[in-house]
C-alpha cells in the first residue's frame, strides 16, 4: 500500500488534511479527512473516487499515520 496526504484551509475550522490509502497502481482503497484544530475525523471506507489524481502534487504519508487516524475516527 501507498499513503498520501494533502491539506486545505476550512474557514472557521483550520487545516483539513485528506489522507489516501492506495494500492501499488494508485487505486484508492480508503480516504479520511482530519481537522486537528477541531478534532474532527471523517472516514470513507468505500470512496466514490477510485483513482488518485495528480499524486505528484501530494505529500507522502505512511501506514502508521493513516491507521492511527483511521482508528481515531
C-alpha atoms as a PDB file:
ATOM      1  CA  UNK A   1       0.000   0.000   0.000  1.00  0.00           C
ATOM      2  CA  UNK A   2       0.987   3.615  -0.550  1.00  0.00           C
ATOM      3  CA  UNK A   3      -0.150   6.599   1.513  1.00  0.00           C
ATOM      4  CA  UNK A   4      -0.529  10.254   0.566  1.00  0.00           C
ATOM      5  CA  UNK A   5      -1.886  13.414   2.181  1.00  0.00           C
ATOM      6  CA  UNK A   6      -2.771  16.995   1.308  1.00  0.00           C
ATOM      7  CA  UNK A   7      -4.207  19.908   3.269  1.00  0.00           C
ATOM      8  CA  UNK A   8      -6.551  22.777   2.572  1.00  0.00           C
ATOM      9  CA  UNK A   9      -7.985  25.522   4.742  1.00  0.00           C
ATOM     10  CA  UNK A  10     -11.553  25.154   6.007  1.00  0.00           C
ATOM     11  CA  UNK A  11     -12.832  28.556   7.167  1.00  0.00           C
ATOM     12  CA  UNK A  12     -13.632  28.600  10.874  1.00  0.00           C
ATOM     13  CA  UNK A  13     -12.088  25.166  11.482  1.00  0.00           C
ATOM     14  CA  UNK A  14      -8.439  25.176  10.404  1.00  0.00           C
ATOM     15  CA  UNK A  15      -6.477  22.960   8.023  1.00  0.00           C
ATOM     16  CA  UNK A  16      -8.245  19.844   6.792  1.00  0.00           C
ATOM     17  CA  UNK A  17      -5.862  17.015   5.991  1.00  0.00           C
ATOM     18  CA  UNK A  18      -7.079  14.444   3.479  1.00  0.00           C
ATOM     19  CA  UNK A  19      -5.295  11.095   3.560  1.00  0.00           C
ATOM     20  CA  UNK A  20      -5.408   8.486   0.792  1.00  0.00           C
ATOM     21  CA  UNK A  21      -4.611   4.788   1.052  1.00  0.00           C
ATOM     22  CA  UNK A  22      -3.859   3.310  -2.388  1.00  0.00           C
ATOM     23  CA  UNK A  23      -2.642   0.058  -3.815  1.00  0.00           C
ATOM     24  CA  UNK A  24       0.540  -0.045  -5.911  1.00  0.00           C
ATOM     25  CA  UNK A  25      -1.336   1.049  -9.046  1.00  0.00           C
ATOM     26  CA  UNK A  26      -2.669   4.135  -7.157  1.00  0.00           C
ATOM     27  CA  UNK A  27      -6.218   2.812  -6.998  1.00  0.00           C
ATOM     28  CA  UNK A  28      -7.786   4.390  -3.895  1.00  0.00           C
ATOM     29  CA  UNK A  29      -8.801   1.929  -1.185  1.00  0.00           C
ATOM     30  CA  UNK A  30      -9.785   4.300   1.657  1.00  0.00           C
ATOM     31  CA  UNK A  31      -9.867   8.048   2.336  1.00  0.00           C
ATOM     32  CA  UNK A  32     -10.052  10.000   5.564  1.00  0.00           C
ATOM     33  CA  UNK A  33     -10.250  13.692   6.352  1.00  0.00           C
ATOM     34  CA  UNK A  34      -8.876  15.006   9.643  1.00  0.00           C
ATOM     35  CA  UNK A  35      -9.085  18.545  11.049  1.00  0.00           C
ATOM     36  CA  UNK A  36      -6.790  18.571  14.101  1.00  0.00           C
ATOM     37  CA  UNK A  37      -7.809  22.033  15.331  1.00  0.00           C
ATOM     38  CA  UNK A  38     -11.391  20.874  15.998  1.00  0.00           C
ATOM     39  CA  UNK A  39     -10.574  17.153  16.479  1.00  0.00           C
ATOM     40  CA  UNK A  40     -12.846  16.099  13.612  1.00  0.00           C
ATOM     41  CA  UNK A  41     -12.230  12.960  11.533  1.00  0.00           C
ATOM     42  CA  UNK A  42     -14.396  11.582   8.710  1.00  0.00           C
ATOM     43  CA  UNK A  43     -13.844   8.130   7.234  1.00  0.00           C
ATOM     44  CA  UNK A  44     -14.622   6.970   3.706  1.00  0.00           C
ATOM     45  CA  UNK A  45     -14.253   3.171   3.629  1.00  0.00           C
ATOM     46  CA  UNK A  46     -15.730   2.885   0.129  1.00  0.00           C
ATOM     47  CA  UNK A  47     -14.827   6.164  -1.588  1.00  0.00           C
ATOM     48  CA  UNK A  48     -16.552   7.255  -4.789  1.00  0.00           C
ATOM     49  CA  UNK A  49     -13.208   8.418  -6.176  1.00  0.00           C
ATOM     50  CA  UNK A  50     -11.318   5.318  -7.329  1.00  0.00           C
ATOM     51  CA  UNK A  51      -8.117   6.672  -8.912  1.00  0.00           C
ATOM     52  CA  UNK A  52      -5.636   9.067  -7.353  1.00  0.00           C
ATOM     53  CA  UNK A  53      -5.370  12.243  -9.464  1.00  0.00           C
ATOM     54  CA  UNK A  54      -2.003  14.008  -9.756  1.00  0.00           C
ATOM     55  CA  UNK A  55      -0.170  12.116  -6.987  1.00  0.00           C
ATOM     56  CA  UNK A  56       2.922  14.243  -7.626  1.00  0.00           C
ATOM     57  CA  UNK A  57       1.081  17.192  -6.013  1.00  0.00           C
ATOM     58  CA  UNK A  58       0.510  15.245  -2.777  1.00  0.00           C
ATOM     59  CA  UNK A  59       2.804  14.722   0.195  1.00  0.00           C
ATOM     60  CA  UNK A  60       3.842  11.221   1.137  1.00  0.00           C
ATOM     61  CA  UNK A  61       2.395   9.777   4.311  1.00  0.00           C
ATOM     62  CA  UNK A  62       2.833   6.383   5.932  1.00  0.00           C
ATOM     63  CA  UNK A  63       0.755   3.472   7.157  1.00  0.00           C
ATOM     64  CA  UNK A  64       1.227   4.274  10.855  1.00  0.00           C
ATOM     65  CA  UNK A  65      -0.095   7.820  10.462  1.00  0.00           C
ATOM     66  CA  UNK A  66      -3.065   6.679   8.362  1.00  0.00           C
ATOM     67  CA  UNK A  67      -4.034   3.784  10.672  1.00  0.00           C
ATOM     68  CA  UNK A  68      -3.746   5.929  13.819  1.00  0.00           C
ATOM     69  CA  UNK A  69      -6.173   8.483  12.377  1.00  0.00           C
ATOM     70  CA  UNK A  70      -8.459   5.786  10.936  1.00  0.00           C
ATOM     71  CA  UNK A  71      -8.749   4.129  14.347  1.00  0.00           C
ATOM     72  CA  UNK A  72      -9.422   7.523  15.933  1.00  0.00           C
ATOM     73  CA  UNK A  73     -12.314   8.188  13.529  1.00  0.00           C
END
